[in-house]
Protein backbone atom coordinates (compact mmCIF):
# COMPACT_ATOMS: atom_id res chain seq x y z
CA UNK A 1 73.27 -46.67 219.44
CA UNK A 2 70.51 -48.24 217.39
CA UNK A 3 71.41 -46.12 214.36
CA UNK A 4 75.09 -47.01 214.73
CA UNK A 5 74.18 -50.69 214.86
CA UNK A 6 72.06 -50.35 211.72
CA UNK A 7 74.85 -48.52 209.85
CA UNK A 8 77.34 -51.22 210.87
CA UNK A 9 74.99 -54.00 209.75
CA UNK A 10 74.55 -52.20 206.42
CA UNK A 11 78.32 -51.90 205.96
CA UNK A 12 78.74 -55.54 207.01
CA UNK A 13 76.37 -56.55 204.21
CA UNK A 14 78.30 -54.36 201.75
CA UNK A 15 81.48 -56.19 202.79
CA UNK A 16 79.74 -59.53 202.27
CA UNK A 17 78.61 -58.47 198.81
CA UNK A 18 82.13 -57.36 197.88
CA UNK A 19 83.74 -60.55 199.20
CA UNK A 20 81.26 -62.99 197.69
CA UNK A 21 80.84 -60.98 194.49
CA UNK A 22 84.59 -60.67 194.01
CA UNK A 23 84.85 -64.45 194.12
CA UNK A 24 81.62 -65.26 192.27
CA UNK A 25 82.49 -63.23 189.17
CA UNK A 26 85.58 -65.39 188.72
CA UNK A 27 83.84 -68.75 188.56
CA UNK A 28 84.41 -68.96 184.80
CA UNK A 29 87.60 -66.88 184.73
CA UNK A 30 91.00 -68.19 183.89
CA UNK A 31 93.26 -67.40 185.65
CA UNK A 32 91.56 -66.76 188.96
CA UNK A 33 93.10 -64.14 191.23
CA UNK A 34 92.49 -62.48 194.56
CA UNK A 35 91.03 -59.19 193.38
CA UNK A 36 90.54 -55.94 195.30
CA UNK A 37 86.89 -56.73 195.99
CA UNK A 38 87.88 -59.85 197.92
CA UNK A 39 90.50 -57.99 199.97
CA UNK A 40 88.30 -55.02 200.77
CA UNK A 41 85.25 -57.19 201.40
CA UNK A 42 87.13 -59.41 203.85
CA UNK A 43 88.53 -56.39 205.70
CA UNK A 44 85.13 -54.71 205.80
CA UNK A 45 83.57 -57.89 207.18
CA UNK A 46 86.28 -58.19 209.82
CA UNK A 47 86.19 -54.58 211.01
CA UNK A 48 82.42 -54.12 210.96
CA UNK A 49 81.88 -57.49 212.63
CA UNK A 50 84.17 -56.55 215.50
CA UNK A 51 82.54 -53.13 215.81
CA UNK A 52 79.08 -54.72 215.78
CA UNK A 53 80.00 -56.99 218.68
CA UNK A 54 81.29 -53.99 220.61
CA UNK A 55 78.13 -51.99 219.95
CA UNK A 56 75.90 -54.93 220.91
CA UNK A 57 77.86 -55.42 224.13
CA UNK A 58 77.47 -51.71 224.84
CA UNK A 59 73.73 -51.99 224.31
CA UNK A 60 73.59 -54.91 226.77
CA UNK A 61 72.24 -57.12 224.00
CA UNK A 62 72.63 -60.88 224.10
CA UNK A 63 75.77 -61.91 222.18
CA UNK A 64 76.52 -65.56 221.39
CA UNK A 65 80.28 -65.60 221.94
CA UNK A 66 80.72 -69.09 220.48
CA UNK A 67 79.05 -68.03 217.23
CA UNK A 68 81.07 -64.81 217.11
CA UNK A 69 84.27 -66.77 217.75
CA UNK A 70 83.57 -69.16 214.87
CA UNK A 71 82.70 -66.30 212.51
CA UNK A 72 85.82 -64.38 213.57
CA UNK A 73 88.03 -67.40 212.98
CA UNK A 74 86.57 -68.01 209.52
CA UNK A 75 86.89 -64.36 208.41
CA UNK A 76 90.45 -64.24 209.76
CA UNK A 77 91.37 -67.29 207.68
CA UNK A 78 89.74 -65.72 204.61
CA UNK A 79 91.58 -62.43 205.19
CA UNK A 80 94.98 -64.07 205.74
CA UNK A 81 94.61 -66.29 202.68
CA UNK A 82 93.49 -63.34 200.56
CA UNK A 83 96.37 -61.14 201.71
CA UNK A 84 98.95 -63.89 201.29
CA UNK A 85 97.87 -64.48 197.68
CA UNK A 86 96.85 -60.98 196.54
CA UNK A 87 99.92 -60.34 194.39
CA UNK A 88 99.98 -63.70 192.61
CA UNK A 89 99.08 -63.71 188.94
CA UNK A 90 96.85 -66.75 189.52
CA UNK A 91 95.69 -68.87 192.43
CA UNK A 92 95.05 -72.61 192.45
CA UNK A 93 91.50 -73.87 192.10
CA UNK A 94 91.69 -75.42 195.57
CA UNK A 95 92.44 -72.05 197.15
CA UNK A 96 89.75 -70.32 195.12
CA UNK A 97 87.06 -72.84 196.06
CA UNK A 98 88.35 -72.86 199.63
CA UNK A 99 87.81 -69.10 199.85
CA UNK A 100 84.38 -69.50 198.29
CA UNK A 101 83.48 -72.31 200.71
CA UNK A 102 84.67 -70.37 203.75
CA UNK A 103 82.64 -67.36 202.65
CA UNK A 104 79.51 -69.49 202.27
CA UNK A 105 80.26 -71.16 205.62
CA UNK A 106 80.39 -67.77 207.31
CA UNK A 107 77.03 -66.84 205.78
CA UNK A 108 75.54 -70.16 206.92
CA UNK A 109 76.80 -69.68 210.47
CA UNK A 110 75.28 -66.18 210.54
CA UNK A 111 71.90 -67.35 209.27
CA UNK A 112 71.40 -70.80 210.76
CA UNK A 113 73.20 -70.66 214.14
């Protein structure tokens, strides 16, 4: 189980890198879009996060359900916004910076909570 947890954490970090990187590379772009990295990163974060909670529960590890609930809500909002706007030729700056802010918020909750 320990190896499975480590693999899931690794994949969770890969998803984070794809999500944040997909947004970060567009800071100076015009127009900004929801690219494949954002979509795949958000989905990877969502799936691996849920699997990690299941593995931790199976290992009888302490799981902070409030923290997990907040992180789940934030990644669900990111995923829905990304999917809803994935086919648009450009997205508004407010949406772009909202996605960026939510991504950073999720990182902050993971690190500081």
